[in-house]
All heavy atoms as atom14 arrays in JSON, in Angstrom:
{
  "sequence": "LEEPFNDIKNIKKSYKTLFEQAKELDKVVFLTDEQKKDVEA",
  "atom14_mask": [
    [1, 1, 1, 1, 1, 1, 1, 1, 0, 0, 0, 0, 0, 0],
    [1, 1, 1, 1, 1, 1, 1, 1, 1, 0, 0, 0, 0, 0],
    [1, 1, 1, 1, 1, 1, 1, 1, 1, 0, 0, 0, 0, 0],
    [1, 1, 1, 1, 1, 1, 1, 0, 0, 0, 0, 0, 0, 0],
    [1, 1, 1, 1, 1, 1, 1, 1, 1, 1, 1, 0, 0, 0],
    [1, 1, 1, 1, 1, 1, 1, 1, 0, 0, 0, 0, 0, 0],
    [1, 1, 1, 1, 1, 1, 1, 1, 0, 0, 0, 0, 0, 0],
    [1, 1, 1, 1, 1, 1, 1, 1, 0, 0, 0, 0, 0, 0],
    [1, 1, 1, 1, 1, 1, 1, 1, 1, 0, 0, 0, 0, 0],
    [1, 1, 1, 1, 1, 1, 1, 1, 0, 0, 0, 0, 0, 0],
    [1, 1, 1, 1, 1, 1, 1, 1, 0, 0, 0, 0, 0, 0],
    [1, 1, 1, 1, 1, 1, 1, 1, 1, 0, 0, 0, 0, 0],
    [1, 1, 1, 1, 1, 1, 1, 1, 1, 0, 0, 0, 0, 0],
    [1, 1, 1, 1, 1, 1, 0, 0, 0, 0, 0, 0, 0, 0],
    [1, 1, 1, 1, 1, 1, 1, 1, 1, 1, 1, 1, 0, 0],
    [1, 1, 1, 1, 1, 1, 1, 1, 1, 0, 0, 0, 0, 0],
    [1, 1, 1, 1, 1, 1, 1, 0, 0, 0, 0, 0, 0, 0],
    [1, 1, 1, 1, 1, 1, 1, 1, 0, 0, 0, 0, 0, 0],
    [1, 1, 1, 1, 1, 1, 1, 1, 1, 1, 1, 0, 0, 0],
    [1, 1, 1, 1, 1, 1, 1, 1, 1, 0, 0, 0, 0, 0],
    [1, 1, 1, 1, 1, 1, 1, 1, 1, 0, 0, 0, 0, 0],
    [1, 1, 1, 1, 1, 0, 0, 0, 0, 0, 0, 0, 0, 0],
    [1, 1, 1, 1, 1, 1, 1, 1, 1, 0, 0, 0, 0, 0],
    [1, 1, 1, 1, 1, 1, 1, 1, 1, 0, 0, 0, 0, 0],
    [1, 1, 1, 1, 1, 1, 1, 1, 0, 0, 0, 0, 0, 0],
    [1, 1, 1, 1, 1, 1, 1, 1, 0, 0, 0, 0, 0, 0],
    [1, 1, 1, 1, 1, 1, 1, 1, 1, 0, 0, 0, 0, 0],
    [1, 1, 1, 1, 1, 1, 1, 0, 0, 0, 0, 0, 0, 0],
    [1, 1, 1, 1, 1, 1, 1, 0, 0, 0, 0, 0, 0, 0],
    [1, 1, 1, 1, 1, 1, 1, 1, 1, 1, 1, 0, 0, 0],
    [1, 1, 1, 1, 1, 1, 1, 1, 0, 0, 0, 0, 0, 0],
    [1, 1, 1, 1, 1, 1, 1, 0, 0, 0, 0, 0, 0, 0],
    [1, 1, 1, 1, 1, 1, 1, 1, 0, 0, 0, 0, 0, 0],
    [1, 1, 1, 1, 1, 1, 1, 1, 1, 0, 0, 0, 0, 0],
    [1, 1, 1, 1, 1, 1, 1, 1, 1, 0, 0, 0, 0, 0],
    [1, 1, 1, 1, 1, 1, 1, 1, 1, 0, 0, 0, 0, 0],
    [1, 1, 1, 1, 1, 1, 1, 1, 1, 0, 0, 0, 0, 0],
    [1, 1, 1, 1, 1, 1, 1, 1, 0, 0, 0, 0, 0, 0],
    [1, 1, 1, 1, 1, 1, 1, 0, 0, 0, 0, 0, 0, 0],
    [1, 1, 1, 1, 1, 1, 1, 1, 1, 0, 0, 0, 0, 0],
    [1, 1, 1, 1, 1, 0, 0, 0, 0, 0, 0, 0, 0, 0]
  ],
  "atom14_positions": [
    [[-33.7, 49.47, -6.69], [-34.28, 48.38, -5.81], [-35.52, 48.85, -5.2], [-35.77, 50.03, -4.83], [-33.27, 47.96, -4.8], [-31.88, 47.44, -5.31], [-31.0, 47.16, -4.08], [-32.04, 46.21, -6.18], [0.0, 0.0, 0.0], [0.0, 0.0, 0.0], [0.0, 0.0, 0.0], [0.0, 0.0, 0.0], [0.0, 0.0, 0.0], [0.0, 0.0, 0.0]],
    [[-36.44, 47.86, -4.97], [-37.67, 48.1, -4.18], [-37.27, 48.27, -2.72], [-36.25, 47.79, -2.26], [-38.62, 46.95, -4.35], [-39.25, 46.84, -5.73], [-40.38, 47.8, -5.92], [-40.63, 48.75, -5.2], [-41.08, 47.61, -6.96], [0.0, 0.0, 0.0], [0.0, 0.0, 0.0], [0.0, 0.0, 0.0], [0.0, 0.0, 0.0], [0.0, 0.0, 0.0]],
    [[-38.19, 48.99, -2.02], [-37.99, 49.11, -0.51], [-37.93, 47.74, 0.07], [-38.67, 46.83, -0.28], [-39.16, 49.88, -0.02], [-38.93, 50.5, 1.34], [-40.02, 51.47, 1.74], [-40.87, 51.88, 0.93], [-40.02, 51.84, 2.92], [0.0, 0.0, 0.0], [0.0, 0.0, 0.0], [0.0, 0.0, 0.0], [0.0, 0.0, 0.0], [0.0, 0.0, 0.0]],
    [[-37.05, 47.48, 1.05], [-36.14, 48.39, 1.74], [-34.82, 48.7, 1.11], [-33.83, 49.1, 1.83], [-36.04, 47.71, 3.11], [-36.04, 46.3, 2.84], [-37.03, 46.15, 1.65], [0.0, 0.0, 0.0], [0.0, 0.0, 0.0], [0.0, 0.0, 0.0], [0.0, 0.0, 0.0], [0.0, 0.0, 0.0], [0.0, 0.0, 0.0], [0.0, 0.0, 0.0]],
    [[-34.69, 48.49, -0.14], [-33.54, 48.93, -0.98], [-32.23, 48.16, -0.67], [-31.13, 48.73, -0.86], [-33.25, 50.4, -0.75], [-34.58, 51.24, -0.85], [-34.98, 51.96, 0.29], [-35.24, 51.34, -2.03], [-36.17, 52.68, 0.25], [-36.39, 52.11, -1.99], [-36.83, 52.79, -0.91], [0.0, 0.0, 0.0], [0.0, 0.0, 0.0], [0.0, 0.0, 0.0]],
    [[-32.39, 46.91, -0.21], [-31.07, 46.17, 0.02], [-31.07, 44.74, -0.57], [-30.06, 44.05, -0.43], [-30.88, 46.06, 1.53], [-32.0, 45.55, 2.36], [-32.96, 44.95, 1.75], [-32.05, 45.75, 3.65], [0.0, 0.0, 0.0], [0.0, 0.0, 0.0], [0.0, 0.0, 0.0], [0.0, 0.0, 0.0], [0.0, 0.0, 0.0], [0.0, 0.0, 0.0]],
    [[-32.18, 44.3, -1.16], [-32.25, 42.95, -1.76], [-32.0, 43.13, -3.3], [-32.86, 43.72, -4.01], [-33.63, 42.37, -1.55], [-33.71, 41.01, -2.19], [-32.75, 40.49, -2.91], [-34.73, 40.26, -1.98], [0.0, 0.0, 0.0], [0.0, 0.0, 0.0], [0.0, 0.0, 0.0], [0.0, 0.0, 0.0], [0.0, 0.0, 0.0], [0.0, 0.0, 0.0]],
    [[-30.86, 42.73, -3.83], [-30.41, 43.1, -5.16], [-31.29, 42.34, -6.17], [-31.29, 42.71, -7.36], [-28.9, 42.73, -5.42], [-28.69, 41.27, -5.28], [-28.02, 43.56, -4.47], [-27.22, 40.87, -5.83], [0.0, 0.0, 0.0], [0.0, 0.0, 0.0], [0.0, 0.0, 0.0], [0.0, 0.0, 0.0], [0.0, 0.0, 0.0], [0.0, 0.0, 0.0]],
    [[-32.1, 41.36, -5.77], [-33.03, 40.72, -6.62], [-34.37, 41.34, -6.69], [-35.16, 41.01, -7.6], [-33.12, 39.19, -6.29], [-31.81, 38.49, -6.51], [-31.98, 37.01, -6.15], [-30.7, 36.23, -6.4], [-30.81, 34.81, -6.02], [0.0, 0.0, 0.0], [0.0, 0.0, 0.0], [0.0, 0.0, 0.0], [0.0, 0.0, 0.0], [0.0, 0.0, 0.0]],
    [[-34.69, 42.18, -5.7], [-36.04, 42.85, -5.66], [-35.93, 44.14, -6.38], [-35.8, 45.2, -5.76], [-36.4, 42.99, -4.18], [-37.81, 43.43, -4.01], [-38.63, 43.38, -4.88], [-38.1, 43.96, -2.82], [0.0, 0.0, 0.0], [0.0, 0.0, 0.0], [0.0, 0.0, 0.0], [0.0, 0.0, 0.0], [0.0, 0.0, 0.0], [0.0, 0.0, 0.0]],
    [[-36.12, 44.06, -7.67], [-35.92, 45.25, -8.54], [-37.21, 45.88, -8.99], [-38.26, 45.22, -9.18], [-35.18, 44.72, -9.82], [-33.77, 44.15, -9.43], [-34.98, 45.85, -10.84], [-33.05, 43.5, -10.54], [0.0, 0.0, 0.0], [0.0, 0.0, 0.0], [0.0, 0.0, 0.0], [0.0, 0.0, 0.0], [0.0, 0.0, 0.0], [0.0, 0.0, 0.0]],
    [[-37.26, 47.18, -9.0], [-38.49, 47.99, -9.46], [-38.86, 47.54, -10.81], [-37.99, 47.25, -11.63], [-38.1, 49.47, -9.31], [-37.91, 49.97, -7.87], [-37.45, 51.43, -7.95], [-37.08, 51.93, -6.58], [-36.5, 53.29, -6.56], [0.0, 0.0, 0.0], [0.0, 0.0, 0.0], [0.0, 0.0, 0.0], [0.0, 0.0, 0.0], [0.0, 0.0, 0.0]],
    [[-40.16, 47.52, -11.02], [-40.73, 47.14, -12.29], [-40.15, 47.83, -13.46], [-39.76, 47.31, -14.5], [-42.21, 47.18, -12.28], [-42.89, 46.65, -13.5], [-44.41, 46.78, -13.48], [-45.08, 46.2, -14.67], [-46.59, 46.32, -14.61], [0.0, 0.0, 0.0], [0.0, 0.0, 0.0], [0.0, 0.0, 0.0], [0.0, 0.0, 0.0], [0.0, 0.0, 0.0]],
    [[-40.02, 49.19, -13.31], [-39.53, 50.08, -14.41], [-38.14, 49.74, -14.75], [-37.74, 49.81, -15.92], [-39.69, 51.55, -14.04], [-38.93, 51.83, -12.86], [0.0, 0.0, 0.0], [0.0, 0.0, 0.0], [0.0, 0.0, 0.0], [0.0, 0.0, 0.0], [0.0, 0.0, 0.0], [0.0, 0.0, 0.0], [0.0, 0.0, 0.0], [0.0, 0.0, 0.0]],
    [[-37.27, 49.36, -13.72], [-35.91, 49.0, -13.98], [-35.79, 47.64, -14.59], [-34.87, 47.42, -15.42], [-35.06, 49.1, -12.77], [-34.7, 50.54, -12.34], [-35.4, 51.33, -11.5], [-33.53, 51.11, -12.99], [-34.97, 52.62, -11.21], [-33.14, 52.37, -12.75], [-33.86, 53.11, -11.83], [-33.44, 54.41, -11.5], [0.0, 0.0, 0.0], [0.0, 0.0, 0.0]],
    [[-36.67, 46.7, -14.23], [-36.64, 45.36, -14.87], [-36.81, 45.55, -16.38], [-36.11, 44.93, -17.19], [-37.76, 44.49, -14.34], [-37.48, 43.88, -12.96], [-38.67, 43.03, -12.53], [-38.44, 42.5, -11.16], [-39.61, 41.66, -10.7], [0.0, 0.0, 0.0], [0.0, 0.0, 0.0], [0.0, 0.0, 0.0], [0.0, 0.0, 0.0], [0.0, 0.0, 0.0]],
    [[-37.83, 46.37, -16.8], [-38.04, 46.56, -18.25], [-36.79, 47.2, -18.88], [-36.41, 46.79, -19.99], [-39.2, 47.58, -18.38], [-40.35, 46.97, -17.72], [-39.57, 47.79, -19.82], [0.0, 0.0, 0.0], [0.0, 0.0, 0.0], [0.0, 0.0, 0.0], [0.0, 0.0, 0.0], [0.0, 0.0, 0.0], [0.0, 0.0, 0.0], [0.0, 0.0, 0.0]],
    [[-36.17, 48.15, -18.17], [-35.01, 48.84, -18.78], [-33.81, 47.84, -18.91], [-33.29, 47.76, -19.97], [-34.56, 50.01, -17.77], [-33.17, 50.54, -18.04], [-33.19, 51.25, -19.42], [-32.74, 51.56, -17.03], [0.0, 0.0, 0.0], [0.0, 0.0, 0.0], [0.0, 0.0, 0.0], [0.0, 0.0, 0.0], [0.0, 0.0, 0.0], [0.0, 0.0, 0.0]],
    [[-33.56, 47.07, -17.89], [-32.36, 46.14, -18.02], [-32.63, 45.07, -18.95], [-31.69, 44.52, -19.72], [-32.07, 45.59, -16.59], [-31.59, 46.66, -15.61], [-32.08, 46.63, -14.25], [-30.75, 47.73, -16.0], [-31.64, 47.56, -13.39], [-30.35, 48.67, -15.05], [-30.8, 48.56, -13.74], [0.0, 0.0, 0.0], [0.0, 0.0, 0.0], [0.0, 0.0, 0.0]],
    [[-33.91, 44.6, -19.11], [-34.23, 43.55, -20.04], [-34.17, 44.04, -21.49], [-33.94, 43.31, -22.4], [-35.63, 43.03, -19.76], [-35.71, 42.18, -18.53], [-37.12, 41.91, -17.99], [-38.02, 42.35, -18.68], [-37.22, 41.24, -16.95], [0.0, 0.0, 0.0], [0.0, 0.0, 0.0], [0.0, 0.0, 0.0], [0.0, 0.0, 0.0], [0.0, 0.0, 0.0]],
    [[-34.29, 45.39, -21.66], [-34.25, 45.94, -23.01], [-32.9, 46.73, -23.27], [-32.79, 47.44, -24.23], [-35.39, 46.97, -23.2], [-36.77, 46.25, -23.17], [-37.92, 47.27, -23.31], [-37.91, 48.31, -22.77], [-38.89, 46.92, -24.15], [0.0, 0.0, 0.0], [0.0, 0.0, 0.0], [0.0, 0.0, 0.0], [0.0, 0.0, 0.0], [0.0, 0.0, 0.0]],
    [[-31.9, 46.39, -22.43], [-30.69, 47.14, -22.53], [-29.96, 46.87, -23.92], [-29.21, 47.73, -24.38], [-29.68, 46.65, -21.44], [0.0, 0.0, 0.0], [0.0, 0.0, 0.0], [0.0, 0.0, 0.0], [0.0, 0.0, 0.0], [0.0, 0.0, 0.0], [0.0, 0.0, 0.0], [0.0, 0.0, 0.0], [0.0, 0.0, 0.0], [0.0, 0.0, 0.0]],
    [[-30.36, 45.8, -24.53], [-29.66, 45.44, -25.83], [-30.1, 46.47, -26.91], [-29.44, 46.61, -27.91], [-30.07, 44.07, -26.33], [-31.57, 43.83, -26.48], [-31.82, 42.37, -26.91], [-33.3, 42.14, -27.12], [-34.15, 42.17, -25.86], [0.0, 0.0, 0.0], [0.0, 0.0, 0.0], [0.0, 0.0, 0.0], [0.0, 0.0, 0.0], [0.0, 0.0, 0.0]],
    [[-31.21, 47.17, -26.71], [-31.64, 48.17, -27.66], [-30.96, 49.53, -27.4], [-31.24, 50.5, -28.23], [-33.2, 48.35, -27.56], [-33.95, 47.1, -27.9], [-35.49, 47.18, -27.74], [-35.92, 48.37, -28.1], [-36.14, 46.33, -27.37], [0.0, 0.0, 0.0], [0.0, 0.0, 0.0], [0.0, 0.0, 0.0], [0.0, 0.0, 0.0], [0.0, 0.0, 0.0]],
    [[-30.18, 49.62, -26.4], [-29.46, 50.9, -26.09], [-28.02, 50.76, -26.43], [-27.49, 49.64, -26.63], [-29.66, 51.2, -24.58], [-31.09, 51.29, -24.03], [-31.07, 51.41, -22.56], [-31.82, 52.46, -24.71], [0.0, 0.0, 0.0], [0.0, 0.0, 0.0], [0.0, 0.0, 0.0], [0.0, 0.0, 0.0], [0.0, 0.0, 0.0], [0.0, 0.0, 0.0]],
    [[-27.41, 51.83, -26.53], [-25.92, 51.88, -26.82], [-25.09, 51.81, -25.5], [-24.04, 51.18, -25.42], [-25.49, 53.11, -27.57], [-26.12, 53.11, -29.04], [-25.53, 52.41, -29.86], [-27.18, 53.7, -29.27], [0.0, 0.0, 0.0], [0.0, 0.0, 0.0], [0.0, 0.0, 0.0], [0.0, 0.0, 0.0], [0.0, 0.0, 0.0], [0.0, 0.0, 0.0]],
    [[-25.59, 52.54, -24.43], [-24.87, 52.48, -23.16], [-25.87, 52.73, -22.05], [-26.87, 53.38, -22.11], [-23.83, 53.55, -23.11], [-22.55, 53.32, -23.8], [-21.73, 52.14, -23.16], [-20.41, 51.85, -23.93], [-19.7, 50.71, -23.37], [0.0, 0.0, 0.0], [0.0, 0.0, 0.0], [0.0, 0.0, 0.0], [0.0, 0.0, 0.0], [0.0, 0.0, 0.0]],
    [[-25.57, 52.07, -20.87], [-26.27, 52.39, -19.63], [-25.2, 52.86, -18.64], [-24.28, 52.14, -18.34], [-27.04, 51.17, -19.08], [-27.67, 51.47, -17.76], [-28.04, 50.61, -20.09], [0.0, 0.0, 0.0], [0.0, 0.0, 0.0], [0.0, 0.0, 0.0], [0.0, 0.0, 0.0], [0.0, 0.0, 0.0], [0.0, 0.0, 0.0], [0.0, 0.0, 0.0]],
    [[-25.41, 54.06, -18.18], [-24.4, 54.68, -17.32], [-24.86, 54.62, -15.86], [-25.92, 55.16, -15.46], [-24.13, 56.17, -17.68], [-23.08, 56.78, -16.78], [-23.64, 56.21, -19.15], [0.0, 0.0, 0.0], [0.0, 0.0, 0.0], [0.0, 0.0, 0.0], [0.0, 0.0, 0.0], [0.0, 0.0, 0.0], [0.0, 0.0, 0.0], [0.0, 0.0, 0.0]],
    [[-24.0, 54.04, -14.93], [-24.3, 54.03, -13.54], [-23.32, 55.05, -12.91], [-22.28, 55.38, -13.44], [-23.99, 52.62, -12.98], [-24.88, 51.51, -13.47], [-24.5, 50.81, -14.58], [-26.03, 51.25, -12.8], [-25.27, 49.78, -15.06], [-26.87, 50.23, -13.3], [-26.52, 49.47, -14.39], [0.0, 0.0, 0.0], [0.0, 0.0, 0.0], [0.0, 0.0, 0.0]],
    [[-23.75, 55.47, -11.75], [-22.92, 56.51, -10.98], [-21.9, 55.81, -9.99], [-20.98, 56.53, -9.55], [-23.84, 57.42, -10.23], [-24.89, 58.18, -11.07], [-25.73, 59.16, -10.2], [-24.19, 59.01, -12.19], [0.0, 0.0, 0.0], [0.0, 0.0, 0.0], [0.0, 0.0, 0.0], [0.0, 0.0, 0.0], [0.0, 0.0, 0.0], [0.0, 0.0, 0.0]],
    [[-22.18, 54.57, -9.65], [-21.25, 53.93, -8.74], [-20.97, 52.48, -9.17], [-21.84, 51.86, -9.91], [-21.88, 53.8, -7.3], [-23.06, 52.95, -7.34], [-22.34, 55.24, -6.76], [0.0, 0.0, 0.0], [0.0, 0.0, 0.0], [0.0, 0.0, 0.0], [0.0, 0.0, 0.0], [0.0, 0.0, 0.0], [0.0, 0.0, 0.0], [0.0, 0.0, 0.0]],
    [[-19.81, 51.95, -8.78], [-19.43, 50.65, -9.11], [-20.37, 49.59, -8.42], [-20.68, 48.55, -8.99], [-17.95, 50.32, -8.71], [-16.93, 51.07, -9.6], [-17.07, 50.93, -10.81], [-16.12, 51.79, -9.02], [0.0, 0.0, 0.0], [0.0, 0.0, 0.0], [0.0, 0.0, 0.0], [0.0, 0.0, 0.0], [0.0, 0.0, 0.0], [0.0, 0.0, 0.0]],
    [[-20.74, 49.97, -7.19], [-21.57, 49.0, -6.41], [-22.88, 48.77, -7.12], [-23.32, 47.58, -7.2], [-21.82, 49.53, -5.0], [-22.57, 48.59, -4.17], [-22.98, 49.19, -2.78], [-22.66, 50.39, -2.55], [-23.46, 48.42, -1.97], [0.0, 0.0, 0.0], [0.0, 0.0, 0.0], [0.0, 0.0, 0.0], [0.0, 0.0, 0.0], [0.0, 0.0, 0.0]],
    [[-23.48, 49.75, -7.64], [-24.78, 49.56, -8.32], [-24.65, 48.8, -9.6], [-25.45, 47.87, -9.9], [-25.47, 50.86, -8.63], [-26.85, 50.76, -9.08], [-27.66, 52.1, -9.23], [-27.06, 53.12, -9.31], [-28.95, 52.01, -9.26], [0.0, 0.0, 0.0], [0.0, 0.0, 0.0], [0.0, 0.0, 0.0], [0.0, 0.0, 0.0], [0.0, 0.0, 0.0]],
    [[-23.59, 49.05, -10.41], [-23.39, 48.36, -11.56], [-23.12, 46.79, -11.28], [-23.7, 45.93, -11.9], [-22.12, 48.85, -12.32], [-21.7, 48.05, -13.6], [-20.48, 48.74, -14.27], [-19.98, 47.95, -15.36], [-19.11, 46.84, -14.86], [0.0, 0.0, 0.0], [0.0, 0.0, 0.0], [0.0, 0.0, 0.0], [0.0, 0.0, 0.0], [0.0, 0.0, 0.0]],
    [[-22.34, 46.53, -10.26], [-22.06, 45.1, -9.79], [-23.29, 44.42, -9.45], [-23.51, 43.24, -9.68], [-21.0, 45.12, -8.7], [-19.57, 45.51, -9.22], [-18.6, 45.58, -7.97], [-17.2, 45.94, -8.48], [-16.3, 46.21, -7.37], [0.0, 0.0, 0.0], [0.0, 0.0, 0.0], [0.0, 0.0, 0.0], [0.0, 0.0, 0.0], [0.0, 0.0, 0.0]],
    [[-24.16, 45.11, -8.73], [-25.45, 44.48, -8.18], [-26.34, 44.17, -9.38], [-26.95, 43.09, -9.36], [-26.18, 45.45, -7.24], [-25.57, 45.44, -5.86], [-24.62, 44.68, -5.65], [-26.09, 46.24, -5.01], [0.0, 0.0, 0.0], [0.0, 0.0, 0.0], [0.0, 0.0, 0.0], [0.0, 0.0, 0.0], [0.0, 0.0, 0.0], [0.0, 0.0, 0.0]],
    [[-26.38, 45.08, -10.43], [-27.19, 44.76, -11.56], [-26.64, 43.57, -12.34], [-27.35, 42.67, -12.78], [-27.33, 46.0, -12.44], [-28.03, 45.67, -13.74], [-28.1, 47.1, -11.73], [0.0, 0.0, 0.0], [0.0, 0.0, 0.0], [0.0, 0.0, 0.0], [0.0, 0.0, 0.0], [0.0, 0.0, 0.0], [0.0, 0.0, 0.0], [0.0, 0.0, 0.0]],
    [[-25.33, 43.57, -12.5], [-24.67, 42.44, -13.24], [-24.79, 41.14, -12.48], [-24.77, 40.06, -13.17], [-23.22, 42.81, -13.54], [-23.11, 43.96, -14.55], [-21.67, 44.19, -14.98], [-20.82, 44.1, -14.17], [-21.41, 44.54, -16.1], [0.0, 0.0, 0.0], [0.0, 0.0, 0.0], [0.0, 0.0, 0.0], [0.0, 0.0, 0.0], [0.0, 0.0, 0.0]],
    [[-24.89, 41.19, -11.2], [-25.04, 39.92, -10.41], [-26.34, 39.23, -10.74], [-26.54, 38.07, -10.61], [-24.97, 40.34, -8.9], [0.0, 0.0, 0.0], [0.0, 0.0, 0.0], [0.0, 0.0, 0.0], [0.0, 0.0, 0.0], [0.0, 0.0, 0.0], [0.0, 0.0, 0.0], [0.0, 0.0, 0.0], [0.0, 0.0, 0.0], [0.0, 0.0, 0.0]]
  ]
}
């Protein structure tokens, strides 16, 4: 997330590209359930 790191829709540009291209990957590994849930939201 972009600063101040609490708006789940305010995503860093590099991560937007990553999540939009996730179909080209085999897996994306998160370290916490909270972060995975925020991305899936």
